Amino acid sequence: MTENVLRYTKRVFNIITILGFIATIVGGVYLWRLGAFQDQAILQQLIVAHRFLGPLIFLCMQVLQVIVPIIPGGITMAAGVMIFGPVWGFVYNYVGIMVGSFLLFHFGKKYGASLAKTFVKEKTYTKYMGWLDKGQKRFNIIFALLILSPIAPDDALVLIASQTKMTWRFFTWTMILCKPLPILLYSYLLIFGGGFLRHFL
């Protein structure tokens, strides 16, 4: 990517992110006015009305938010649990996030540091790439441990990992084995936290 293309890409990305944030607020207010946050059945009925299209739309949304973080991942995971329940909510969250992560890793490998720096702050990029000073193996271990964490910036980590010599095999198995735990933790936190908050709404 040339400098002009990179600058244009960053500008488009920022605009999309802002629009996505606004859309999230508008959508949240709309669902709140419908009573979807006070009564989970209302939210589920919106999806049940489109039994096959609903899960497909949600999966596409989950994939998209990994590649271009228009909507915060925590919000989409919360929606998955609230709409589909703890089991299918987990399944749809997991599948969507995995597909999005694989695509992001592929794009990072294909387009290089220019793409990574479009989505990752320069300071963050430099910090994480500094782990390579102690070798690829150490970077891989730290990467796997962070993917296990529910609070790590996964999308940024995936893009940065794509700029190293990390193999597809290691990346795939790390995501398969490590990603379910943070999604489960998020899911159960949202279930119990949501039930607690409903008493105050």
N, C-alpha and C. Protein backbone atom coordinates (compact mmCIF):
# COMPACT_ATOMS: atom_id res chain seq x y z
N MET A 1 0.83 -1.20 0.00
CA MET A 1 0.00 0.00 0.00
C MET A 1 0.86 1.26 0.00
N THR A 2 0.54 2.26 -0.86
CA THR A 2 1.25 3.51 -0.84
C THR A 2 0.79 4.35 0.34
N GLU A 3 1.52 5.43 0.61
CA GLU A 3 1.18 6.28 1.75
C GLU A 3 -0.20 6.92 1.57
N ASN A 4 -0.52 7.34 0.33
CA ASN A 4 -1.82 7.96 0.07
C ASN A 4 -2.96 6.97 0.26
N VAL A 5 -2.76 5.74 -0.22
CA VAL A 5 -3.78 4.70 -0.05
C VAL A 5 -3.97 4.38 1.41
N LEU A 6 -2.86 4.30 2.15
CA LEU A 6 -2.92 4.01 3.58
C LEU A 6 -3.68 5.10 4.32
N ARG A 7 -3.39 6.37 3.97
CA ARG A 7 -4.07 7.49 4.62
C ARG A 7 -5.57 7.46 4.30
N TYR A 8 -5.91 7.16 3.05
CA TYR A 8 -7.32 7.07 2.64
C TYR A 8 -8.02 5.92 3.36
N THR A 9 -7.33 4.78 3.48
CA THR A 9 -7.92 3.62 4.17
C THR A 9 -8.20 3.93 5.62
N LYS A 10 -7.26 4.60 6.28
CA LYS A 10 -7.46 4.97 7.68
C LYS A 10 -8.66 5.90 7.83
N ARG A 11 -8.80 6.84 6.90
CA ARG A 11 -9.90 7.80 6.95
C ARG A 11 -11.25 7.08 6.79
N VAL A 12 -11.30 6.17 5.82
CA VAL A 12 -12.53 5.39 5.60
C VAL A 12 -12.84 4.55 6.82
N PHE A 13 -11.82 3.91 7.38
CA PHE A 13 -11.99 3.08 8.57
C PHE A 13 -12.54 3.90 9.73
N ASN A 14 -12.01 5.09 9.94
CA ASN A 14 -12.49 5.94 11.03
C ASN A 14 -13.95 6.35 10.83
N ILE A 15 -14.30 6.67 9.59
CA ILE A 15 -15.69 7.05 9.30
C ILE A 15 -16.63 5.88 9.55
N ILE A 16 -16.25 4.68 9.07
CA ILE A 16 -17.07 3.48 9.27
C ILE A 16 -17.24 3.17 10.74
N THR A 17 -16.15 3.32 11.51
CA THR A 17 -16.21 3.06 12.95
C THR A 17 -17.17 4.01 13.64
N ILE A 18 -17.10 5.30 13.29
CA ILE A 18 -17.99 6.29 13.90
C ILE A 18 -19.44 6.00 13.54
N LEU A 19 -19.70 5.70 12.26
CA LEU A 19 -21.06 5.37 11.83
C LEU A 19 -21.57 4.12 12.52
N GLY A 20 -20.69 3.13 12.67
CA GLY A 20 -21.08 1.91 13.36
C GLY A 20 -21.41 2.16 14.82
N PHE A 21 -20.63 3.04 15.46
CA PHE A 21 -20.89 3.38 16.85
C PHE A 21 -22.24 4.07 17.00
N ILE A 22 -22.52 4.99 16.08
CA ILE A 22 -23.81 5.70 16.10
C ILE A 22 -24.95 4.71 15.89
N ALA A 23 -24.77 3.80 14.92
CA ALA A 23 -25.80 2.80 14.64
C ALA A 23 -26.04 1.90 15.85
N THR A 24 -24.97 1.59 16.58
CA THR A 24 -25.11 0.77 17.78
C THR A 24 -25.95 1.47 18.84
N ILE A 25 -25.70 2.76 19.02
CA ILE A 25 -26.47 3.53 20.00
C ILE A 25 -27.94 3.61 19.59
N VAL A 26 -28.17 3.92 18.31
CA VAL A 26 -29.55 4.01 17.80
C VAL A 26 -30.26 2.68 17.95
N GLY A 27 -29.57 1.59 17.58
CA GLY A 27 -30.17 0.26 17.71
C GLY A 27 -30.45 -0.11 19.15
N GLY A 28 -29.53 0.27 20.04
CA GLY A 28 -29.72 -0.01 21.46
C GLY A 28 -30.92 0.73 22.02
N VAL A 29 -31.05 2.00 21.65
CA VAL A 29 -32.20 2.79 22.12
C VAL A 29 -33.50 2.21 21.58
N TYR A 30 -33.48 1.78 20.31
CA TYR A 30 -34.68 1.18 19.70
C TYR A 30 -35.10 -0.09 20.45
N LEU A 31 -34.13 -0.96 20.73
CA LEU A 31 -34.44 -2.21 21.45
C LEU A 31 -34.89 -1.92 22.88
N TRP A 32 -34.31 -0.89 23.49
CA TRP A 32 -34.71 -0.53 24.85
C TRP A 32 -36.15 -0.05 24.87
N ARG A 33 -36.53 0.75 23.87
CA ARG A 33 -37.90 1.25 23.79
C ARG A 33 -38.89 0.12 23.53
N LEU A 34 -38.45 -0.93 22.84
CA LEU A 34 -39.30 -2.09 22.64
C LEU A 34 -39.42 -2.95 23.90
N GLY A 35 -38.52 -2.70 24.85
CA GLY A 35 -38.53 -3.49 26.08
C GLY A 35 -37.69 -4.74 25.99
N ALA A 36 -36.80 -4.81 24.96
CA ALA A 36 -36.02 -6.02 24.73
C ALA A 36 -35.01 -6.28 25.84
N PHE A 37 -34.52 -5.23 26.49
CA PHE A 37 -33.54 -5.42 27.55
C PHE A 37 -34.20 -5.79 28.88
N GLN A 38 -35.48 -5.42 29.02
CA GLN A 38 -36.21 -5.79 30.23
C GLN A 38 -36.84 -7.17 30.12
N ASP A 39 -37.17 -7.57 28.89
CA ASP A 39 -37.83 -8.87 28.66
C ASP A 39 -37.12 -9.57 27.51
N GLN A 40 -36.34 -10.62 27.86
CA GLN A 40 -35.56 -11.33 26.86
C GLN A 40 -36.44 -11.96 25.78
N ALA A 41 -37.68 -12.30 26.13
CA ALA A 41 -38.58 -12.93 25.17
C ALA A 41 -38.86 -12.02 23.98
N ILE A 42 -38.91 -10.72 24.22
CA ILE A 42 -39.16 -9.77 23.12
C ILE A 42 -38.01 -9.80 22.13
N LEU A 43 -36.79 -9.83 22.64
CA LEU A 43 -35.62 -9.88 21.78
C LEU A 43 -35.58 -11.18 21.00
N GLN A 44 -35.90 -12.27 21.65
CA GLN A 44 -35.89 -13.57 20.98
C GLN A 44 -36.95 -13.64 19.89
N GLN A 45 -38.11 -13.03 20.14
CA GLN A 45 -39.19 -13.05 19.16
C GLN A 45 -38.80 -12.34 17.87
N LEU A 46 -37.99 -11.29 18.00
CA LEU A 46 -37.53 -10.57 16.82
C LEU A 46 -36.71 -11.48 15.90
N ILE A 47 -35.94 -12.39 16.51
CA ILE A 47 -35.11 -13.30 15.74
C ILE A 47 -35.90 -14.53 15.28
N VAL A 48 -36.75 -15.04 16.16
CA VAL A 48 -37.54 -16.23 15.81
C VAL A 48 -38.40 -15.96 14.58
N ALA A 49 -38.82 -14.70 14.42
CA ALA A 49 -39.62 -14.34 13.26
C ALA A 49 -38.84 -14.58 11.96
N HIS A 50 -37.51 -14.63 12.08
CA HIS A 50 -36.65 -14.92 10.93
C HIS A 50 -35.69 -16.04 11.36
N ARG A 51 -36.25 -17.23 11.52
CA ARG A 51 -35.54 -18.34 12.16
C ARG A 51 -34.21 -18.69 11.49
N PHE A 52 -34.18 -18.68 10.18
CA PHE A 52 -32.95 -19.06 9.47
C PHE A 52 -32.10 -17.84 9.12
N LEU A 53 -32.77 -16.76 8.76
CA LEU A 53 -32.06 -15.55 8.39
C LEU A 53 -31.41 -14.89 9.61
N GLY A 54 -32.08 -14.98 10.77
CA GLY A 54 -31.56 -14.35 11.98
C GLY A 54 -30.17 -14.83 12.35
N PRO A 55 -29.96 -16.15 12.52
CA PRO A 55 -28.62 -16.64 12.84
C PRO A 55 -27.59 -16.29 11.78
N LEU A 56 -27.99 -16.32 10.51
CA LEU A 56 -27.05 -16.00 9.43
C LEU A 56 -26.61 -14.54 9.51
N ILE A 57 -27.57 -13.65 9.75
CA ILE A 57 -27.24 -12.23 9.89
C ILE A 57 -26.31 -12.01 11.08
N PHE A 58 -26.61 -12.70 12.19
CA PHE A 58 -25.78 -12.55 13.38
C PHE A 58 -24.36 -13.05 13.13
N LEU A 59 -24.23 -14.20 12.45
CA LEU A 59 -22.91 -14.73 12.15
C LEU A 59 -22.11 -13.76 11.28
N CYS A 60 -22.77 -13.19 10.27
CA CYS A 60 -22.10 -12.23 9.40
C CYS A 60 -21.67 -10.99 10.19
N MET A 61 -22.52 -10.56 11.12
CA MET A 61 -22.20 -9.40 11.95
C MET A 61 -20.99 -9.70 12.83
N GLN A 62 -20.94 -10.92 13.37
CA GLN A 62 -19.84 -11.29 14.26
C GLN A 62 -18.53 -11.39 13.47
N VAL A 63 -18.59 -11.92 12.25
CA VAL A 63 -17.40 -11.98 11.40
C VAL A 63 -16.93 -10.58 11.06
N LEU A 64 -17.86 -9.71 10.70
CA LEU A 64 -17.52 -8.35 10.29
C LEU A 64 -16.90 -7.55 11.42
N GLN A 65 -17.43 -7.72 12.66
CA GLN A 65 -16.91 -6.92 13.76
C GLN A 65 -15.48 -7.31 14.14
N VAL A 66 -15.07 -8.53 13.75
CA VAL A 66 -13.68 -8.92 13.98
C VAL A 66 -12.76 -8.24 12.97
N ILE A 67 -13.18 -8.24 11.70
CA ILE A 67 -12.35 -7.66 10.64
C ILE A 67 -12.34 -6.14 10.70
N VAL A 68 -13.52 -5.55 10.80
CA VAL A 68 -13.66 -4.10 10.93
C VAL A 68 -14.49 -3.85 12.19
N PRO A 69 -13.86 -3.47 13.29
CA PRO A 69 -14.57 -3.36 14.57
C PRO A 69 -15.57 -2.20 14.61
N ILE A 70 -16.63 -2.34 13.81
CA ILE A 70 -17.67 -1.32 13.79
C ILE A 70 -18.43 -1.32 15.10
N ILE A 71 -18.73 -2.53 15.60
CA ILE A 71 -19.47 -2.71 16.85
C ILE A 71 -18.55 -3.41 17.84
N PRO A 72 -18.45 -2.95 19.08
CA PRO A 72 -17.62 -3.63 20.07
C PRO A 72 -18.01 -5.09 20.21
N GLY A 73 -16.99 -5.98 20.28
CA GLY A 73 -17.23 -7.41 20.35
C GLY A 73 -18.07 -7.82 21.55
N GLY A 74 -17.90 -7.11 22.68
CA GLY A 74 -18.68 -7.44 23.87
C GLY A 74 -20.17 -7.28 23.65
N ILE A 75 -20.55 -6.29 22.84
CA ILE A 75 -21.97 -6.04 22.56
C ILE A 75 -22.56 -7.16 21.72
N THR A 76 -21.82 -7.60 20.68
CA THR A 76 -22.33 -8.67 19.83
C THR A 76 -22.39 -9.99 20.59
N MET A 77 -21.43 -10.24 21.47
CA MET A 77 -21.48 -11.47 22.27
C MET A 77 -22.66 -11.44 23.23
N ALA A 78 -22.91 -10.28 23.80
CA ALA A 78 -24.07 -10.13 24.69
C ALA A 78 -25.36 -10.39 23.93
N ALA A 79 -25.43 -9.87 22.70
CA ALA A 79 -26.62 -10.07 21.88
C ALA A 79 -26.80 -11.55 21.56
N GLY A 80 -25.71 -12.24 21.27
CA GLY A 80 -25.79 -13.67 20.96
C GLY A 80 -26.36 -14.47 22.10
N VAL A 81 -25.90 -14.19 23.31
CA VAL A 81 -26.38 -14.92 24.49
C VAL A 81 -27.83 -14.58 24.78
N MET A 82 -28.18 -13.30 24.70
CA MET A 82 -29.54 -12.88 25.01
C MET A 82 -30.56 -13.41 24.00
N ILE A 83 -30.15 -13.46 22.73
CA ILE A 83 -31.09 -13.86 21.68
C ILE A 83 -31.19 -15.37 21.56
N PHE A 84 -30.06 -16.05 21.53
CA PHE A 84 -30.05 -17.48 21.23
C PHE A 84 -29.88 -18.38 22.45
N GLY A 85 -29.65 -17.76 23.61
CA GLY A 85 -29.44 -18.57 24.80
C GLY A 85 -27.97 -18.93 24.97
N PRO A 86 -27.59 -19.53 26.13
CA PRO A 86 -26.18 -19.79 26.43
C PRO A 86 -25.51 -20.79 25.50
N VAL A 87 -26.26 -21.80 25.02
CA VAL A 87 -25.64 -22.84 24.19
C VAL A 87 -25.45 -22.36 22.76
N TRP A 88 -26.55 -22.03 22.07
CA TRP A 88 -26.45 -21.58 20.69
C TRP A 88 -25.79 -20.20 20.60
N GLY A 89 -25.99 -19.39 21.63
CA GLY A 89 -25.30 -18.10 21.65
C GLY A 89 -23.80 -18.29 21.64
N PHE A 90 -23.32 -19.25 22.44
CA PHE A 90 -21.89 -19.56 22.45
C PHE A 90 -21.43 -20.08 21.10
N VAL A 91 -22.21 -21.00 20.51
CA VAL A 91 -21.84 -21.59 19.22
C VAL A 91 -21.73 -20.53 18.15
N TYR A 92 -22.74 -19.66 18.05
CA TYR A 92 -22.72 -18.62 17.01
C TYR A 92 -21.60 -17.61 17.26
N ASN A 93 -21.39 -17.26 18.52
CA ASN A 93 -20.29 -16.34 18.84
C ASN A 93 -18.95 -16.96 18.44
N TYR A 94 -18.77 -18.22 18.80
CA TYR A 94 -17.49 -18.91 18.55
C TYR A 94 -17.22 -19.03 17.05
N VAL A 95 -18.21 -19.51 16.31
CA VAL A 95 -18.04 -19.69 14.86
C VAL A 95 -17.77 -18.36 14.17
N GLY A 96 -18.55 -17.34 14.50
CA GLY A 96 -18.37 -16.04 13.88
C GLY A 96 -17.01 -15.44 14.17
N ILE A 97 -16.58 -15.51 15.43
CA ILE A 97 -15.29 -14.94 15.82
C ILE A 97 -14.14 -15.71 15.18
N MET A 98 -14.26 -17.04 15.11
CA MET A 98 -13.21 -17.84 14.50
C MET A 98 -13.06 -17.53 13.02
N VAL A 99 -14.17 -17.50 12.30
CA VAL A 99 -14.11 -17.19 10.87
C VAL A 99 -13.52 -15.80 10.64
N GLY A 100 -13.97 -14.82 11.44
CA GLY A 100 -13.44 -13.47 11.33
C GLY A 100 -11.95 -13.41 11.62
N SER A 101 -11.50 -14.17 12.61
CA SER A 101 -10.08 -14.17 12.99
C SER A 101 -9.22 -14.79 11.90
N PHE A 102 -9.71 -15.88 11.29
CA PHE A 102 -8.96 -16.51 10.21
C PHE A 102 -8.84 -15.57 9.01
N LEU A 103 -9.93 -14.88 8.68
CA LEU A 103 -9.90 -13.93 7.57
C LEU A 103 -8.94 -12.77 7.87
N LEU A 104 -8.98 -12.29 9.11
CA LEU A 104 -8.11 -11.18 9.50
C LEU A 104 -6.65 -11.58 9.43
N PHE A 105 -6.33 -12.79 9.88
CA PHE A 105 -4.96 -13.31 9.82
C PHE A 105 -4.51 -13.43 8.36
N HIS A 106 -5.41 -13.90 7.52
CA HIS A 106 -5.10 -14.03 6.09
C HIS A 106 -4.83 -12.67 5.45
N PHE A 107 -5.71 -11.70 5.72
CA PHE A 107 -5.53 -10.36 5.16
C PHE A 107 -4.23 -9.73 5.65
N GLY A 108 -3.92 -9.95 6.93
CA GLY A 108 -2.67 -9.42 7.48
C GLY A 108 -1.45 -10.00 6.80
N LYS A 109 -1.49 -11.31 6.56
CA LYS A 109 -0.38 -11.97 5.87
C LYS A 109 -0.25 -11.46 4.42
N LYS A 110 -1.39 -11.23 3.79
CA LYS A 110 -1.40 -10.85 2.38
C LYS A 110 -0.97 -9.41 2.16
N TYR A 111 -1.48 -8.49 3.00
CA TYR A 111 -1.26 -7.06 2.75
C TYR A 111 -0.18 -6.44 3.63
N GLY A 112 0.30 -7.17 4.63
CA GLY A 112 1.46 -6.73 5.38
C GLY A 112 1.22 -5.66 6.44
N ALA A 113 2.32 -5.03 6.84
CA ALA A 113 2.30 -4.08 7.95
C ALA A 113 1.42 -2.86 7.68
N SER A 114 1.28 -2.47 6.43
CA SER A 114 0.46 -1.31 6.10
C SER A 114 -0.98 -1.51 6.56
N LEU A 115 -1.52 -2.72 6.33
CA LEU A 115 -2.87 -3.02 6.77
C LEU A 115 -2.94 -3.08 8.29
N ALA A 116 -1.96 -3.74 8.89
CA ALA A 116 -1.96 -3.87 10.36
C ALA A 116 -1.94 -2.51 11.04
N LYS A 117 -1.13 -1.59 10.52
CA LYS A 117 -1.02 -0.28 11.12
C LYS A 117 -2.24 0.60 10.85
N THR A 118 -3.08 0.17 9.90
CA THR A 118 -4.32 0.89 9.66
C THR A 118 -5.31 0.67 10.79
N PHE A 119 -5.27 -0.54 11.36
CA PHE A 119 -6.23 -0.91 12.39
C PHE A 119 -5.65 -0.91 13.79
N VAL A 120 -4.32 -0.92 13.90
CA VAL A 120 -3.66 -0.99 15.21
C VAL A 120 -2.86 0.28 15.43
N LYS A 121 -2.99 0.86 16.60
CA LYS A 121 -2.23 2.07 16.92
C LYS A 121 -0.73 1.78 16.85
N GLU A 122 0.01 2.79 16.41
CA GLU A 122 1.46 2.64 16.24
C GLU A 122 2.13 2.19 17.53
N LYS A 123 1.71 2.76 18.67
CA LYS A 123 2.30 2.42 19.96
C LYS A 123 2.04 0.96 20.30
N THR A 124 0.81 0.51 20.07
CA THR A 124 0.45 -0.88 20.36
C THR A 124 1.20 -1.83 19.44
N TYR A 125 1.28 -1.47 18.17
CA TYR A 125 1.99 -2.30 17.19
C TYR A 125 3.45 -2.46 17.59
N THR A 126 4.10 -1.37 17.92
CA THR A 126 5.51 -1.41 18.31
C THR A 126 5.72 -2.23 19.57
N LYS A 127 4.81 -2.07 20.53
CA LYS A 127 4.92 -2.79 21.80
C LYS A 127 4.87 -4.30 21.59
N TYR A 128 3.87 -4.76 20.87
CA TYR A 128 3.71 -6.20 20.68
C TYR A 128 4.77 -6.79 19.75
N MET A 129 5.16 -6.05 18.73
CA MET A 129 6.21 -6.55 17.84
C MET A 129 7.55 -6.64 18.57
N GLY A 130 7.69 -5.88 19.64
CA GLY A 130 8.90 -5.94 20.45
C GLY A 130 9.11 -7.29 21.10
N TRP A 131 8.04 -8.05 21.25
CA TRP A 131 8.17 -9.40 21.83
C TRP A 131 9.03 -10.30 20.96
N LEU A 132 9.12 -9.97 19.68
CA LEU A 132 9.91 -10.79 18.76
C LEU A 132 11.41 -10.70 19.05
N ASP A 133 11.80 -9.70 19.84
CA ASP A 133 13.22 -9.55 20.16
C ASP A 133 13.76 -10.77 20.89
N LYS A 134 12.85 -11.48 21.57
CA LYS A 134 13.26 -12.68 22.32
C LYS A 134 12.88 -13.96 21.59
N GLY A 135 12.53 -13.83 20.32
CA GLY A 135 12.30 -15.01 19.50
C GLY A 135 10.84 -15.28 19.18
N GLN A 136 10.63 -15.98 18.05
CA GLN A 136 9.28 -16.30 17.62
C GLN A 136 8.58 -17.24 18.59
N LYS A 137 9.31 -18.18 19.17
CA LYS A 137 8.70 -19.14 20.08
C LYS A 137 8.12 -18.43 21.30
N ARG A 138 8.86 -17.48 21.85
CA ARG A 138 8.38 -16.73 23.01
C ARG A 138 7.15 -15.90 22.63
N PHE A 139 7.19 -15.30 21.44
CA PHE A 139 6.04 -14.53 20.95
C PHE A 139 4.81 -15.42 20.86
N ASN A 140 4.99 -16.63 20.33
CA ASN A 140 3.87 -17.56 20.19
C ASN A 140 3.26 -17.92 21.54
N ILE A 141 4.10 -18.13 22.54
CA ILE A 141 3.60 -18.49 23.88
C ILE A 141 2.79 -17.34 24.47
N ILE A 142 3.33 -16.13 24.37
CA ILE A 142 2.63 -14.95 24.90
C ILE A 142 1.32 -14.74 24.16
N PHE A 143 1.35 -14.94 22.84
CA PHE A 143 0.14 -14.80 22.03
C PHE A 143 -0.94 -15.76 22.51
N ALA A 144 -0.58 -17.02 22.70
CA ALA A 144 -1.55 -18.03 23.14
C ALA A 144 -2.13 -17.68 24.52
N LEU A 145 -1.29 -17.22 25.42
CA LEU A 145 -1.75 -16.86 26.76
C LEU A 145 -2.71 -15.67 26.72
N LEU A 146 -2.42 -14.72 25.86
CA LEU A 146 -3.29 -13.55 25.74
C LEU A 146 -4.63 -13.91 25.09
N ILE A 147 -4.61 -14.83 24.12
CA ILE A 147 -5.86 -15.26 23.50
C ILE A 147 -6.75 -15.94 24.55
N LEU A 148 -6.15 -16.58 25.53
CA LEU A 148 -6.90 -17.19 26.63
C LEU A 148 -7.56 -16.16 27.53
N SER A 149 -7.03 -14.95 27.52
CA SER A 149 -7.54 -13.90 28.40
C SER A 149 -8.79 -13.25 27.80
N PRO A 150 -9.83 -13.04 28.62
CA PRO A 150 -11.05 -12.41 28.11
C PRO A 150 -10.93 -10.91 27.88
N ILE A 151 -9.82 -10.31 28.31
CA ILE A 151 -9.70 -8.85 28.20
C ILE A 151 -8.60 -8.43 27.22
N ALA A 152 -7.98 -9.39 26.54
CA ALA A 152 -6.92 -9.04 25.60
C ALA A 152 -7.51 -8.48 24.31
N PRO A 153 -6.77 -7.58 23.65
CA PRO A 153 -7.24 -7.02 22.36
C PRO A 153 -7.02 -8.02 21.23
N ASP A 154 -7.91 -9.00 21.13
CA ASP A 154 -7.70 -10.13 20.21
C ASP A 154 -7.49 -9.72 18.76
N ASP A 155 -8.30 -8.80 18.27
CA ASP A 155 -8.20 -8.42 16.86
C ASP A 155 -6.83 -7.82 16.55
N ALA A 156 -6.35 -6.96 17.44
CA ALA A 156 -5.02 -6.37 17.25
C ALA A 156 -3.95 -7.44 17.32
N LEU A 157 -4.11 -8.39 18.25
CA LEU A 157 -3.13 -9.46 18.39
C LEU A 157 -3.06 -10.33 17.14
N VAL A 158 -4.23 -10.61 16.56
CA VAL A 158 -4.27 -11.44 15.35
C VAL A 158 -3.56 -10.72 14.20
N LEU A 159 -3.82 -9.45 14.04
CA LEU A 159 -3.17 -8.69 12.97
C LEU A 159 -1.66 -8.62 13.18
N ILE A 160 -1.25 -8.39 14.41
CA ILE A 160 0.19 -8.31 14.69
C ILE A 160 0.85 -9.68 14.49
N ALA A 161 0.17 -10.74 14.93
CA ALA A 161 0.71 -12.09 14.75
C ALA A 161 0.90 -12.41 13.27
N SER A 162 0.03 -11.87 12.43
CA SER A 162 0.13 -12.13 11.00
C SER A 162 1.39 -11.51 10.39
N GLN A 163 2.00 -10.56 11.10
CA GLN A 163 3.21 -9.91 10.60
C GLN A 163 4.48 -10.64 11.03
N THR A 164 4.32 -11.70 11.82
CA THR A 164 5.46 -12.50 12.28
C THR A 164 5.57 -13.77 11.44
N LYS A 165 6.46 -14.66 11.85
CA LYS A 165 6.63 -15.94 11.16
C LYS A 165 5.72 -17.02 11.74
N MET A 166 4.71 -16.61 12.49
CA MET A 166 3.76 -17.58 13.04
C MET A 166 3.12 -18.37 11.91
N THR A 167 3.08 -19.68 12.05
CA THR A 167 2.51 -20.52 11.01
C THR A 167 0.99 -20.59 11.13
N TRP A 168 0.37 -20.93 10.01
CA TRP A 168 -1.08 -21.11 10.01
C TRP A 168 -1.47 -22.23 10.97
N ARG A 169 -0.67 -23.25 11.03
CA ARG A 169 -0.99 -24.40 11.90
C ARG A 169 -1.02 -23.98 13.36
N PHE A 170 0.01 -23.23 13.81
CA PHE A 170 0.03 -22.79 15.21
C PHE A 170 -1.12 -21.84 15.49
N PHE A 171 -1.35 -20.91 14.58
CA PHE A 171 -2.43 -19.94 14.78
C PHE A 171 -3.79 -20.64 14.88
N THR A 172 -4.03 -21.59 13.97
CA THR A 172 -5.32 -22.30 13.95
C THR A 172 -5.55 -23.06 15.24
N TRP A 173 -4.57 -23.84 15.67
CA TRP A 173 -4.74 -24.63 16.89
C TRP A 173 -4.84 -23.75 18.13
N THR A 174 -4.13 -22.64 18.13
CA THR A 174 -4.23 -21.71 19.26
C THR A 174 -5.63 -21.15 19.37
N MET A 175 -6.20 -20.75 18.25
CA MET A 175 -7.55 -20.19 18.26
C MET A 175 -8.59 -21.25 18.63
N ILE A 176 -8.42 -22.46 18.09
CA ILE A 176 -9.38 -23.54 18.37
C ILE A 176 -9.37 -23.91 19.85
N LEU A 177 -8.18 -24.00 20.43
CA LEU A 177 -8.07 -24.48 21.81
C LEU A 177 -8.22 -23.37 22.86
N CYS A 178 -7.78 -22.17 22.52
CA CYS A 178 -7.76 -21.10 23.53
C CYS A 178 -8.97 -20.17 23.48
N LYS A 179 -9.59 -20.02 22.33
CA LYS A 179 -10.66 -19.03 22.20
C LYS A 179 -11.96 -19.41 22.92
N PRO A 180 -12.32 -20.70 23.03
CA PRO A 180 -13.60 -21.03 23.71
C PRO A 180 -13.69 -20.52 25.14
N LEU A 181 -12.60 -20.55 25.90
CA LEU A 181 -12.65 -20.16 27.31
C LEU A 181 -13.08 -18.71 27.51
N PRO A 182 -12.44 -17.73 26.87
CA PRO A 182 -12.89 -16.35 27.07
C PRO A 182 -14.31 -16.11 26.58
N ILE A 183 -14.74 -16.81 25.52
CA ILE A 183 -16.12 -16.65 25.05
C ILE A 183 -17.09 -17.20 26.08
N LEU A 184 -16.75 -18.35 26.68
CA LEU A 184 -17.59 -18.92 27.75
C LEU A 184 -17.66 -17.98 28.94
N LEU A 185 -16.50 -17.43 29.34
CA LEU A 185 -16.47 -16.51 30.47
C LEU A 185 -17.34 -15.29 30.20
N TYR A 186 -17.23 -14.74 29.01
CA TYR A 186 -18.06 -13.61 28.62
C TYR A 186 -19.53 -13.99 28.67
N SER A 187 -19.85 -15.18 28.13
CA SER A 187 -21.25 -15.61 28.05
C SER A 187 -21.87 -15.72 29.43
N TYR A 188 -21.19 -16.42 30.35
CA TYR A 188 -21.75 -16.60 31.68
C TYR A 188 -21.78 -15.29 32.45
N LEU A 189 -20.77 -14.45 32.24
CA LEU A 189 -20.78 -13.15 32.90
C LEU A 189 -21.98 -12.33 32.44
N LEU A 190 -22.26 -12.40 31.12
CA LEU A 190 -23.39 -11.66 30.57
C LEU A 190 -24.72 -12.23 31.04
N ILE A 191 -24.78 -13.56 31.20
CA ILE A 191 -26.02 -14.19 31.67
C ILE A 191 -26.34 -13.73 33.08
N PHE A 192 -25.37 -13.91 33.99
CA PHE A 192 -25.60 -13.55 35.38
C PHE A 192 -25.66 -12.04 35.58
N GLY A 193 -24.77 -11.33 34.86
CA GLY A 193 -24.78 -9.88 34.97
C GLY A 193 -26.06 -9.28 34.42
N GLY A 194 -26.56 -9.85 33.30
CA GLY A 194 -27.80 -9.38 32.73
C GLY A 194 -28.97 -9.61 33.66
N GLY A 195 -29.00 -10.79 34.30
CA GLY A 195 -30.07 -11.07 35.25
C GLY A 195 -30.03 -10.13 36.44
N PHE A 196 -28.82 -9.77 36.86
CA PHE A 196 -28.67 -8.85 38.00
C PHE A 196 -29.15 -7.44 37.62
N LEU A 197 -28.77 -7.02 36.40
CA LEU A 197 -29.13 -5.66 35.96
C LEU A 197 -30.64 -5.51 35.73
N ARG A 198 -31.28 -6.60 35.31
CA ARG A 198 -32.72 -6.51 35.02
C ARG A 198 -33.54 -6.12 36.25
N HIS A 199 -32.99 -6.39 37.44
CA HIS A 199 -33.70 -6.02 38.67
C HIS A 199 -33.74 -4.50 38.85
N PHE A 200 -32.84 -3.80 38.14
CA PHE A 200 -32.74 -2.34 38.32
C PHE A 200 -33.30 -1.60 37.12
N LEU A 201 -33.74 -2.33 36.11
CA LEU A 201 -34.28 -1.66 34.91
C LEU A 201 -35.80 -1.59 34.96
